[in-house]
Amino acid sequence: MSTLQIRSKNPPVNGKKDLIFLISLLDKEDKVEFVQEFSSDFEEMVQMKQLSKTGYYKLLKGYAPSDDRVLQVVEMDENAKKWIIERVKEKARKALEIIATIGEKDD
């Protein structure tokens, strides 16, 4: 059985590129939940003329924001960045559990 190993020494983070990668791992439901969790940040973007009111209301009604739109919020709000990281960690743990289970069944 092969297992995934994580290097003990993490490589340096490549800023926006790495954040976009993490955001891309989120599914539609995650992004909709992100909008609900950080709606005040999206509202602030409307006030700063970075997001239209129509776009804001669409997001509140369940439309998933683009990765770039999520990145804008993450760059504004450190808590949003932590939320993304935690959500991706949860997904990674689940994926590793599934991989381990499937691997055991194949052996």
PDB file of N, CA and C in Angstrom:
ATOM      1  N   MET A   1       0.844  -1.175   0.000  1.00  0.00           N
ATOM      2  CA  MET A   1       0.000   0.000   0.000  1.00  0.00           C
ATOM      3  C   MET A   1       0.889   1.238   0.000  1.00  0.00           C
ATOM      4  N   SER A   2       0.579   2.166  -0.863  1.00  0.00           N
ATOM      5  CA  SER A   2       1.343   3.406  -0.881  1.00  0.00           C
ATOM      6  C   SER A   2       0.625   4.443  -0.024  1.00  0.00           C
ATOM      7  N   THR A   3       1.410   5.273   0.627  1.00  0.00           N
ATOM      8  CA  THR A   3       0.829   6.337   1.447  1.00  0.00           C
ATOM      9  C   THR A   3       1.419   7.660   1.010  1.00  0.00           C
ATOM     10  N   LEU A   4       0.636   8.697   1.216  1.00  0.00           N
ATOM     11  CA  LEU A   4       1.121  10.036   0.918  1.00  0.00           C
ATOM     12  C   LEU A   4       1.917  10.538   2.104  1.00  0.00           C
ATOM     13  N   GLN A   5       3.031  11.149   1.839  1.00  0.00           N
ATOM     14  CA  GLN A   5       3.840  11.691   2.917  1.00  0.00           C
ATOM     15  C   GLN A   5       3.946  13.198   2.743  1.00  0.00           C
ATOM     16  N   ILE A   6       3.875  13.880   3.854  1.00  0.00           N
ATOM     17  CA  ILE A   6       4.015  15.331   3.842  1.00  0.00           C
ATOM     18  C   ILE A   6       5.406  15.653   4.329  1.00  0.00           C
ATOM     19  N   ARG A   7       6.072  16.521   3.596  1.00  0.00           N
ATOM     20  CA  ARG A   7       7.409  16.917   4.006  1.00  0.00           C
ATOM     21  C   ARG A   7       7.340  17.635   5.346  1.00  0.00           C
ATOM     22  N   SER A   8       8.324  17.355   6.195  1.00  0.00           N
ATOM     23  CA  SER A   8       8.325  18.001   7.504  1.00  0.00           C
ATOM     24  C   SER A   8       8.653  19.484   7.386  1.00  0.00           C
ATOM     25  N   LYS A   9       9.400  19.847   6.375  1.00  0.00           N
ATOM     26  CA  LYS A   9       9.730  21.249   6.174  1.00  0.00           C
ATOM     27  C   LYS A   9       8.888  21.764   5.014  1.00  0.00           C
ATOM     28  N   ASN A  10       8.023  22.708   5.300  1.00  0.00           N
ATOM     29  CA  ASN A  10       7.128  23.235   4.280  1.00  0.00           C
ATOM     30  C   ASN A  10       7.858  24.209   3.368  1.00  0.00           C
ATOM     31  N   PRO A  11       7.591  24.127   2.056  1.00  0.00           N
ATOM     32  CA  PRO A  11       8.206  25.087   1.139  1.00  0.00           C
ATOM     33  C   PRO A  11       7.567  26.459   1.356  1.00  0.00           C
ATOM     34  N   PRO A  12       8.244  27.516   0.937  1.00  0.00           N
ATOM     35  CA  PRO A  12       7.679  28.854   1.131  1.00  0.00           C
ATOM     36  C   PRO A  12       6.379  29.024   0.346  1.00  0.00           C
ATOM     37  N   VAL A  13       5.478  29.798   0.909  1.00  0.00           N
ATOM     38  CA  VAL A  13       4.200  30.059   0.260  1.00  0.00           C
ATOM     39  C   VAL A  13       4.417  31.053  -0.869  1.00  0.00           C
ATOM     40  N   ASN A  14       3.768  30.789  -2.002  1.00  0.00           N
ATOM     41  CA  ASN A  14       3.935  31.629  -3.176  1.00  0.00           C
ATOM     42  C   ASN A  14       2.767  32.611  -3.318  1.00  0.00           C
ATOM     43  N   GLY A  15       2.416  33.274  -2.236  1.00  0.00           N
ATOM     44  CA  GLY A  15       1.437  34.348  -2.236  1.00  0.00           C
ATOM     45  C   GLY A  15       0.124  34.040  -2.920  1.00  0.00           C
ATOM     46  N   LYS A  16      -0.257  34.908  -3.851  1.00  0.00           N
ATOM     47  CA  LYS A  16      -1.545  34.811  -4.534  1.00  0.00           C
ATOM     48  C   LYS A  16      -1.724  33.484  -5.252  1.00  0.00           C
ATOM     49  N   LYS A  17      -0.669  33.001  -5.856  1.00  0.00           N
ATOM     50  CA  LYS A  17      -0.761  31.749  -6.619  1.00  0.00           C
ATOM     51  C   LYS A  17      -1.197  30.600  -5.716  1.00  0.00           C
ATOM     52  N   ASP A  18      -0.618  30.517  -4.523  1.00  0.00           N
ATOM     53  CA  ASP A  18      -0.991  29.453  -3.589  1.00  0.00           C
ATOM     54  C   ASP A  18      -2.394  29.662  -3.041  1.00  0.00           C
ATOM     55  N   LEU A  19      -2.769  30.904  -2.770  1.00  0.00           N
ATOM     56  CA  LEU A  19      -4.121  31.177  -2.293  1.00  0.00           C
ATOM     57  C   LEU A  19      -5.158  30.792  -3.344  1.00  0.00           C
ATOM     58  N   ILE A  20      -4.897  31.142  -4.596  1.00  0.00           N
ATOM     59  CA  ILE A  20      -5.818  30.782  -5.682  1.00  0.00           C
ATOM     60  C   ILE A  20      -5.939  29.259  -5.781  1.00  0.00           C
ATOM     61  N   PHE A  21      -4.827  28.548  -5.614  1.00  0.00           N
ATOM     62  CA  PHE A  21      -4.877  27.081  -5.652  1.00  0.00           C
ATOM     63  C   PHE A  21      -5.777  26.556  -4.543  1.00  0.00           C
ATOM     64  N   LEU A  22      -5.593  27.055  -3.325  1.00  0.00           N
ATOM     65  CA  LEU A  22      -6.433  26.606  -2.206  1.00  0.00           C
ATOM     66  C   LEU A  22      -7.898  26.928  -2.461  1.00  0.00           C
ATOM     67  N   ILE A  23      -8.178  28.121  -2.959  1.00  0.00           N
ATOM     68  CA  ILE A  23      -9.558  28.520  -3.252  1.00  0.00           C
ATOM     69  C   ILE A  23     -10.161  27.614  -4.322  1.00  0.00           C
ATOM     70  N   SER A  24      -9.361  27.226  -5.292  1.00  0.00           N
ATOM     71  CA  SER A  24      -9.864  26.384  -6.377  1.00  0.00           C
ATOM     72  C   SER A  24     -10.293  24.993  -5.886  1.00  0.00           C
ATOM     73  N   LEU A  25      -9.826  24.595  -4.724  1.00  0.00           N
ATOM     74  CA  LEU A  25     -10.203  23.301  -4.159  1.00  0.00           C
ATOM     75  C   LEU A  25     -11.584  23.319  -3.518  1.00  0.00           C
ATOM     76  N   LEU A  26     -12.150  24.504  -3.332  1.00  0.00           N
ATOM     77  CA  LEU A  26     -13.479  24.624  -2.745  1.00  0.00           C
ATOM     78  C   LEU A  26     -14.541  24.335  -3.792  1.00  0.00           C
ATOM     79  N   ASP A  27     -15.622  23.690  -3.367  1.00  0.00           N
ATOM     80  CA  ASP A  27     -16.730  23.466  -4.286  1.00  0.00           C
ATOM     81  C   ASP A  27     -17.762  24.582  -4.134  1.00  0.00           C
ATOM     82  N   LYS A  28     -18.819  24.495  -4.923  1.00  0.00           N
ATOM     83  CA  LYS A  28     -19.839  25.551  -4.933  1.00  0.00           C
ATOM     84  C   LYS A  28     -20.431  25.765  -3.537  1.00  0.00           C
ATOM     85  N   GLU A  29     -20.755  24.682  -2.848  1.00  0.00           N
ATOM     86  CA  GLU A  29     -21.352  24.792  -1.516  1.00  0.00           C
ATOM     87  C   GLU A  29     -20.419  25.504  -0.550  1.00  0.00           C
ATOM     88  N   ASP A  30     -19.120  25.211  -0.635  1.00  0.00           N
ATOM     89  CA  ASP A  30     -18.142  25.887   0.217  1.00  0.00           C
ATOM     90  C   ASP A  30     -18.139  27.386  -0.055  1.00  0.00           C
ATOM     91  N   LYS A  31     -18.175  27.747  -1.330  1.00  0.00           N
ATOM     92  CA  LYS A  31     -18.129  29.160  -1.691  1.00  0.00           C
ATOM     93  C   LYS A  31     -19.399  29.895  -1.265  1.00  0.00           C
ATOM     94  N   VAL A  32     -20.542  29.222  -1.364  1.00  0.00           N
ATOM     95  CA  VAL A  32     -21.798  29.825  -0.915  1.00  0.00           C
ATOM     96  C   VAL A  32     -21.736  30.037   0.602  1.00  0.00           C
ATOM     97  N   GLU A  33     -21.228  29.058   1.322  1.00  0.00           N
ATOM     98  CA  GLU A  33     -21.068  29.197   2.774  1.00  0.00           C
ATOM     99  C   GLU A  33     -20.082  30.318   3.105  1.00  0.00           C
ATOM    100  N   PHE A  34     -19.026  30.437   2.301  1.00  0.00           N
ATOM    101  CA  PHE A  34     -18.037  31.500   2.488  1.00  0.00           C
ATOM    102  C   PHE A  34     -18.708  32.871   2.379  1.00  0.00           C
ATOM    103  N   VAL A  35     -19.589  33.033   1.395  1.00  0.00           N
ATOM    104  CA  VAL A  35     -20.303  34.299   1.220  1.00  0.00           C
ATOM    105  C   VAL A  35     -21.149  34.589   2.456  1.00  0.00           C
ATOM    106  N   GLN A  36     -21.843  33.583   2.954  1.00  0.00           N
ATOM    107  CA  GLN A  36     -22.673  33.783   4.141  1.00  0.00           C
ATOM    108  C   GLN A  36     -21.824  34.163   5.346  1.00  0.00           C
ATOM    109  N   GLU A  37     -20.703  33.501   5.502  1.00  0.00           N
ATOM    110  CA  GLU A  37     -19.814  33.736   6.638  1.00  0.00           C
ATOM    111  C   GLU A  37     -19.178  35.129   6.587  1.00  0.00           C
ATOM    112  N   PHE A  38     -18.845  35.579   5.401  1.00  0.00           N
ATOM    113  CA  PHE A  38     -18.124  36.845   5.248  1.00  0.00           C
ATOM    114  C   PHE A  38     -18.934  37.870   4.452  1.00  0.00           C
ATOM    115  N   SER A  39     -20.241  37.861   4.630  1.00  0.00           N
ATOM    116  CA  SER A  39     -21.123  38.778   3.891  1.00  0.00           C
ATOM    117  C   SER A  39     -20.781  40.239   4.164  1.00  0.00           C
ATOM    118  N   SER A  40     -20.322  40.538   5.361  1.00  0.00           N
ATOM    119  CA  SER A  40     -19.970  41.928   5.673  1.00  0.00           C
ATOM    120  C   SER A  40     -18.784  42.401   4.826  1.00  0.00           C
ATOM    121  N   ASP A  41     -17.871  41.498   4.514  1.00  0.00           N
ATOM    122  CA  ASP A  41     -16.742  41.858   3.644  1.00  0.00           C
ATOM    123  C   ASP A  41     -17.221  42.128   2.216  1.00  0.00           C
ATOM    124  N   PHE A  42     -18.185  41.326   1.755  1.00  0.00           N
ATOM    125  CA  PHE A  42     -18.742  41.564   0.424  1.00  0.00           C
ATOM    126  C   PHE A  42     -19.508  42.885   0.395  1.00  0.00           C
ATOM    127  N   GLU A  43     -20.202  43.183   1.487  1.00  0.00           N
ATOM    128  CA  GLU A  43     -20.919  44.456   1.585  1.00  0.00           C
ATOM    129  C   GLU A  43     -19.930  45.625   1.552  1.00  0.00           C
ATOM    130  N   GLU A  44     -18.807  45.456   2.217  1.00  0.00           N
ATOM    131  CA  GLU A  44     -17.763  46.482   2.198  1.00  0.00           C
ATOM    132  C   GLU A  44     -17.224  46.681   0.774  1.00  0.00           C
ATOM    133  N   MET A  45     -17.131  45.594   0.013  1.00  0.00           N
ATOM    134  CA  MET A  45     -16.673  45.700  -1.373  1.00  0.00           C
ATOM    135  C   MET A  45     -17.659  46.517  -2.202  1.00  0.00           C
ATOM    136  N   VAL A  46     -18.952  46.406  -1.899  1.00  0.00           N
ATOM    137  CA  VAL A  46     -19.965  47.216  -2.588  1.00  0.00           C
ATOM    138  C   VAL A  46     -19.721  48.683  -2.272  1.00  0.00           C
ATOM    139  N   GLN A  47     -19.480  48.990  -1.007  1.00  0.00           N
ATOM    140  CA  GLN A  47     -19.240  50.372  -0.599  1.00  0.00           C
ATOM    141  C   GLN A  47     -17.973  50.939  -1.237  1.00  0.00           C
ATOM    142  N   MET A  48     -16.985  50.088  -1.457  1.00  0.00           N
ATOM    143  CA  MET A  48     -15.731  50.525  -2.078  1.00  0.00           C
ATOM    144  C   MET A  48     -15.811  50.474  -3.603  1.00  0.00           C
ATOM    145  N   LYS A  49     -16.992  50.159  -4.132  1.00  0.00           N
ATOM    146  CA  LYS A  49     -17.242  50.087  -5.580  1.00  0.00           C
ATOM    147  C   LYS A  49     -16.422  49.000  -6.274  1.00  0.00           C
ATOM    148  N   GLN A  50     -16.118  47.932  -5.541  1.00  0.00           N
ATOM    149  CA  GLN A  50     -15.410  46.787  -6.112  1.00  0.00           C
ATOM    150  C   GLN A  50     -16.377  45.679  -6.516  1.00  0.00           C
ATOM    151  N   LEU A  51     -17.640  45.820  -6.103  1.00  0.00           N
ATOM    152  CA  LEU A  51     -18.673  44.841  -6.388  1.00  0.00           C
ATOM    153  C   LEU A  51     -19.985  45.591  -6.535  1.00  0.00           C
ATOM    154  N   SER A  52     -20.757  45.236  -7.560  1.00  0.00           N
ATOM    155  CA  SER A  52     -22.044  45.908  -7.760  1.00  0.00           C
ATOM    156  C   SER A  52     -23.061  45.393  -6.740  1.00  0.00           C
ATOM    157  N   LYS A  53     -24.083  46.202  -6.487  1.00  0.00           N
ATOM    158  CA  LYS A  53     -25.147  45.771  -5.578  1.00  0.00           C
ATOM    159  C   LYS A  53     -25.854  44.541  -6.141  1.00  0.00           C
ATOM    160  N   THR A  54     -26.038  44.532  -7.453  1.00  0.00           N
ATOM    161  CA  THR A  54     -26.680  43.376  -8.088  1.00  0.00           C
ATOM    162  C   THR A  54     -25.852  42.116  -7.856  1.00  0.00           C
ATOM    163  N   GLY A  55     -24.557  42.226  -8.049  1.00  0.00           N
ATOM    164  CA  GLY A  55     -23.663  41.091  -7.812  1.00  0.00           C
ATOM    165  C   GLY A  55     -23.707  40.641  -6.366  1.00  0.00           C
ATOM    166  N   TYR A  56     -23.751  41.591  -5.466  1.00  0.00           N
ATOM    167  CA  TYR A  56     -23.812  41.285  -4.035  1.00  0.00           C
ATOM    168  C   TYR A  56     -25.087  40.519  -3.708  1.00  0.00           C
ATOM    169  N   TYR A  57     -26.223  40.976  -4.221  1.00  0.00           N
ATOM    170  CA  TYR A  57     -27.489  40.310  -3.945  1.00  0.00           C
ATOM    171  C   TYR A  57     -27.544  38.913  -4.565  1.00  0.00           C
ATOM    172  N   LYS A  58     -26.925  38.756  -5.728  1.00  0.00           N
ATOM    173  CA  LYS A  58     -26.864  37.419  -6.334  1.00  0.00           C
ATOM    174  C   LYS A  58     -26.071  36.464  -5.436  1.00  0.00           C
ATOM    175  N   LEU A  59     -24.962  36.958  -4.898  1.00  0.00           N
ATOM    176  CA  LEU A  59     -24.153  36.128  -4.007  1.00  0.00           C
ATOM    177  C   LEU A  59     -24.940  35.748  -2.759  1.00  0.00           C
ATOM    178  N   LEU A  60     -25.700  36.690  -2.220  1.00  0.00           N
ATOM    179  CA  LEU A  60     -26.502  36.410  -1.026  1.00  0.00           C
ATOM    180  C   LEU A  60     -27.614  35.403  -1.304  1.00  0.00           C
ATOM    181  N   LYS A  61     -28.057  35.331  -2.566  1.00  0.00           N
ATOM    182  CA  LYS A  61     -29.126  34.393  -2.927  1.00  0.00           C
ATOM    183  C   LYS A  61     -28.593  33.011  -3.275  1.00  0.00           C
ATOM    184  N   GLY A  62     -27.285  32.799  -3.182  1.00  0.00           N
ATOM    185  CA  GLY A  62     -26.751  31.456  -3.380  1.00  0.00           C
ATOM    186  C   GLY A  62     -25.864  31.259  -4.587  1.00  0.00           C
ATOM    187  N   TYR A  63     -25.574  32.323  -5.323  1.00  0.00           N
ATOM    188  CA  TYR A  63     -24.628  32.189  -6.426  1.00  0.00           C
ATOM    189  C   TYR A  63     -23.223  32.068  -5.840  1.00  0.00           C
ATOM    190  N   ALA A  64     -22.420  31.191  -6.388  1.00  0.00           N
ATOM    191  CA  ALA A  64     -21.051  31.013  -5.914  1.00  0.00           C
ATOM    192  C   ALA A  64     -20.148  32.075  -6.539  1.00  0.00           C
ATOM    193  N   PRO A  65     -19.334  32.724  -5.737  1.00  0.00           N
ATOM    194  CA  PRO A  65     -18.418  33.730  -6.284  1.00  0.00           C
ATOM    195  C   PRO A  65     -17.270  33.064  -7.048  1.00  0.00           C
ATOM    196  N   SER A  66     -16.663  33.834  -7.924  1.00  0.00           N
ATOM    197  CA  SER A  66     -15.493  33.332  -8.647  1.00  0.00           C
ATOM    198  C   SER A  66     -14.314  33.218  -7.683  1.00  0.00           C
ATOM    199  N   ASP A  67     -13.310  32.464  -8.087  1.00  0.00           N
ATOM    200  CA  ASP A  67     -12.111  32.330  -7.268  1.00  0.00           C
ATOM    201  C   ASP A  67     -11.458  33.690  -7.039  1.00  0.00           C
ATOM    202  N   ASP A  68     -11.443  34.530  -8.062  1.00  0.00           N
ATOM    203  CA  ASP A  68     -10.840  35.860  -7.925  1.00  0.00           C
ATOM    204  C   ASP A  68     -11.593  36.718  -6.922  1.00  0.00           C
ATOM    205  N   ARG A  69     -12.916  36.601  -6.899  1.00  0.00           N
ATOM    206  CA  ARG A  69     -13.740  37.365  -5.952  1.00  0.00           C
ATOM    207  C   ARG A  69     -13.461  36.888  -4.525  1.00  0.00           C
ATOM    208  N   VAL A  70     -13.339  35.584  -4.338  1.00  0.00           N
ATOM    209  CA  VAL A  70     -13.007  35.038  -3.014  1.00  0.00           C
ATOM    210  C   VAL A  70     -11.624  35.530  -2.607  1.00  0.00           C
ATOM    211  N   LEU A  71     -10.690  35.547  -3.546  1.00  0.00           N
ATOM    212  CA  LEU A  71      -9.335  36.029  -3.260  1.00  0.00           C
ATOM    213  C   LEU A  71      -9.364  37.471  -2.773  1.00  0.00           C
ATOM    214  N   GLN A  72     -10.206  38.309  -3.374  1.00  0.00           N
ATOM    215  CA  GLN A  72     -10.306  39.697  -2.929  1.00  0.00           C
ATOM    216  C   GLN A  72     -10.676  39.766  -1.446  1.00  0.00           C
ATOM    217  N   VAL A  73     -11.625  38.957  -1.037  1.00  0.00           N
ATOM    218  CA  VAL A  73     -12.041  38.956   0.367  1.00  0.00           C
ATOM    219  C   VAL A  73     -10.919  38.425   1.252  1.00  0.00           C
ATOM    220  N   VAL A  74     -10.272  37.362   0.814  1.00  0.00           N
ATOM    221  CA  VAL A  74      -9.176  36.775   1.591  1.00  0.00           C
ATOM    222  C   VAL A  74      -8.052  37.786   1.794  1.00  0.00           C
ATOM    223  N   GLU A  75      -7.791  38.599   0.786  1.00  0.00           N
ATOM    224  CA  GLU A  75      -6.747  39.610   0.910  1.00  0.00           C
ATOM    225  C   GLU A  75      -7.149  40.735   1.866  1.00  0.00           C
ATOM    226  N   MET A  76      -8.460  40.939   2.042  1.00  0.00           N
ATOM    227  CA  MET A  76      -8.962  41.986   2.937  1.00  0.00           C
ATOM    228  C   MET A  76      -9.079  41.506   4.384  1.00  0.00           C
ATOM    229  N   ASP A  77      -9.343  40.229   4.573  1.00  0.00           N
ATOM    230  CA  ASP A  77      -9.735  39.706   5.877  1.00  0.00           C
ATOM    231  C   ASP A  77      -8.926  38.465   6.230  1.00  0.00           C
ATOM    232  N   GLU A  78      -8.089  38.578   7.240  1.00  0.00           N
ATOM    233  CA  GLU A  78      -7.246  37.458   7.669  1.00  0.00           C
ATOM    234  C   GLU A  78      -8.092  36.268   8.137  1.00  0.00           C
ATOM    235  N   ASN A  79      -9.252  36.545   8.728  1.00  0.00           N
ATOM    236  CA  ASN A  79     -10.137  35.453   9.168  1.00  0.00           C
ATOM    237  C   ASN A  79     -10.666  34.656   7.980  1.00  0.00           C
ATOM    238  N   ALA A  80     -10.880  35.321   6.862  1.00  0.00           N
ATOM    239  CA  ALA A  80     -11.331  34.637   5.648  1.00  0.00           C
ATOM    240  C   ALA A  80     -10.235  33.686   5.153  1.00  0.00           C
ATOM    241  N   LYS A  81      -9.014  34.140   5.230  1.00  0.00           N
ATOM    242  CA  LYS A  81      -7.879  33.297   4.827  1.00  0.00           C
ATOM    243  C   LYS A  81      -7.808  32.056   5.719  1.00  0.00           C
ATOM    244  N   LYS A  82      -7.970  32.247   7.028  1.00  0.00           N
ATOM    245  CA  LYS A  82      -7.944  31.117   7.959  1.00  0.00           C
ATOM    246  C   LYS A  82      -9.100  30.160   7.678  1.00  0.00           C
ATOM    247  N   TRP A  83     -10.271  30.712   7.326  1.00  0.00           N
ATOM    248  CA  TRP A  83     -11.444  29.891   7.019  1.00  0.00           C
ATOM    249  C   TRP A  83     -11.152  28.994   5.820  1.00  0.00           C
ATOM    250  N   ILE A  84     -10.567  29.581   4.781  1.00  0.00           N
ATOM    251  CA  ILE A  84     -10.216  28.822   3.565  1.00  0.00           C
ATOM    252  C   ILE A  84      -9.237  27.699   3.918  1.00  0.00           C
ATOM    253  N   ILE A  85      -8.211  28.025   4.674  1.00  0.00           N
ATOM    254  CA  ILE A  85      -7.196  27.034   5.032  1.00  0.00           C
ATOM    255  C   ILE A  85      -7.819  25.887   5.819  1.00  0.00           C
ATOM    256  N   GLU A  86      -8.666  26.205   6.786  1.00  0.00           N
ATOM    257  CA  GLU A  86      -9.309  25.155   7.579  1.00  0.00           C
ATOM    258  C   GLU A  86     -10.225  24.282   6.732  1.00  0.00           C
ATOM    259  N   ARG A  87     -10.981  24.896   5.822  1.00  0.00           N
ATOM    260  CA  ARG A  87     -11.892  24.130   4.967  1.00  0.00           C
ATOM    261  C   ARG A  87     -11.092  23.180   4.076  1.00  0.00           C
ATOM    262  N   VAL A  88      -9.983  23.663   3.511  1.00  0.00           N
ATOM    263  CA  VAL A  88      -9.165  22.810   2.641  1.00  0.00           C
ATOM    264  C   VAL A  88      -8.517  21.689   3.461  1.00  0.00           C
ATOM    265  N   LYS A  89      -8.103  21.988   4.697  1.00  0.00           N
ATOM    266  CA  LYS A  89      -7.544  20.945   5.567  1.00  0.00           C
ATOM    267  C   LYS A  89      -8.568  19.837   5.797  1.00  0.00           C
ATOM    268  N   GLU A  90      -9.823  20.228   6.066  1.00  0.00           N
ATOM    269  CA  GLU A  90     -10.883  19.239   6.272  1.00  0.00           C
ATOM    270  C   GLU A  90     -11.037  18.350   5.040  1.00  0.00           C
ATOM    271  N   LYS A  91     -11.047  18.969   3.878  1.00  0.00           N
ATOM    272  CA  LYS A  91     -11.194  18.215   2.632  1.00  0.00           C
ATOM    273  C   LYS A  91     -10.000  17.277   2.422  1.00  0.00           C
ATOM    274  N   ALA A  92      -8.804  17.761   2.729  1.00  0.00           N
ATOM    275  CA  ALA A  92      -7.596  16.948   2.554  1.00  0.00           C
ATOM    276  C   ALA A  92      -7.615  15.745   3.507  1.00  0.00           C
ATOM    277  N   ARG A  93      -8.008  15.972   4.762  1.00  0.00           N
ATOM    278  CA  ARG A  93      -8.099  14.863   5.718  1.00  0.00           C
ATOM    279  C   ARG A  93      -9.076  13.799   5.224  1.00  0.00           C
ATOM    280  N   LYS A  94     -10.228  14.263   4.774  1.00  0.00           N
ATOM    281  CA  LYS A  94     -11.251  13.330   4.280  1.00  0.00           C
ATOM    282  C   LYS A  94     -10.722  12.557   3.072  1.00  0.00           C
ATOM    283  N   ALA A  95     -10.049  13.263   2.162  1.00  0.00           N
ATOM    284  CA  ALA A  95      -9.497  12.610   0.975  1.00  0.00           C
ATOM    285  C   ALA A  95      -8.468  11.553   1.378  1.00  0.00           C
ATOM    286  N   LEU A  96      -7.615  11.875   2.340  1.00  0.00           N
ATOM    287  CA  LEU A  96      -6.608  10.906   2.785  1.00  0.00           C
ATOM    288  C   LEU A  96      -7.246   9.693   3.455  1.00  0.00           C
ATOM    289  N   GLU A  97      -8.320   9.915   4.214  1.00  0.00           N
ATOM    290  CA  GLU A  97      -9.034   8.786   4.822  1.00  0.00           C
ATOM    291  C   GLU A  97      -9.611   7.869   3.750  1.00  0.00           C
ATOM    292  N   ILE A  98     -10.208   8.471   2.738  1.00  0.00           N
ATOM    293  CA  ILE A  98     -10.796   7.683   1.648  1.00  0.00           C
ATOM    294  C   ILE A  98      -9.714   6.910   0.904  1.00  0.00           C
ATOM    295  N   ILE A  99      -8.611   7.572   0.635  1.00  0.00           N
ATOM    296  CA  ILE A  99      -7.498   6.918  -0.063  1.00  0.00           C
ATOM    297  C   ILE A  99      -6.968   5.744   0.743  1.00  0.00           C
ATOM    298  N   ALA A 100      -6.818   5.941   2.060  1.00  0.00           N
ATOM    299  CA  ALA A 100      -6.329   4.866   2.909  1.00  0.00           C
ATOM    300  C   ALA A 100      -7.302   3.699   2.927  1.00  0.00           C
ATOM    301  N   THR A 101      -8.599   3.988   3.001  1.00  0.00           N
ATOM    302  CA  THR A 101      -9.612   2.934   3.022  1.00  0.00           C
ATOM    303  C   THR A 101      -9.615   2.163   1.716  1.00  0.00           C
ATOM    304  N   ILE A 102      -9.572   2.885   0.622  1.00  0.00           N
ATOM    305  CA  ILE A 102      -9.559   2.226  -0.687  1.00  0.00           C
ATOM    306  C   ILE A 102      -8.291   1.400  -0.844  1.00  0.00           C
ATOM    307  N   GLY A 103      -7.167   1.934  -0.390  1.00  0.00           N
ATOM    308  CA  GLY A 103      -5.906   1.210  -0.464  1.00  0.00           C
ATOM    309  C   GLY A 103      -5.920  -0.085   0.324  1.00  0.00           C
ATOM    310  N   GLU A 104      -6.564  -0.055   1.501  1.00  0.00           N
ATOM    311  CA  GLU A 104      -6.652  -1.262   2.334  1.00  0.00           C
ATOM    312  C   GLU A 104      -7.506  -2.321   1.657  1.00  0.00           C
ATOM    313  N   LYS A 105      -8.574  -1.888   0.994  1.00  0.00           N
ATOM    314  CA  LYS A 105      -9.459  -2.827   0.312  1.00  0.00           C
ATOM    315  C   LYS A 105      -8.778  -3.478  -0.877  1.00  0.00           C
ATOM    316  N   ASP A 106      -7.880  -2.728  -1.524  1.00  0.00           N
ATOM    317  CA  ASP A 106      -7.178  -3.261  -2.704  1.00  0.00           C
ATOM    318  C   ASP A 106      -6.096  -4.266  -2.345  1.00  0.00           C
ATOM    319  N   ASP A 107      -5.593  -4.194  -1.103  1.00  0.00           N
ATOM    320  CA  ASP A 107      -4.508  -5.089  -0.693  1.00  0.00           C
ATOM    321  C   ASP A 107      -4.981  -6.469  -0.383  1.00  0.00           C
TER     322      ASP A 107
END
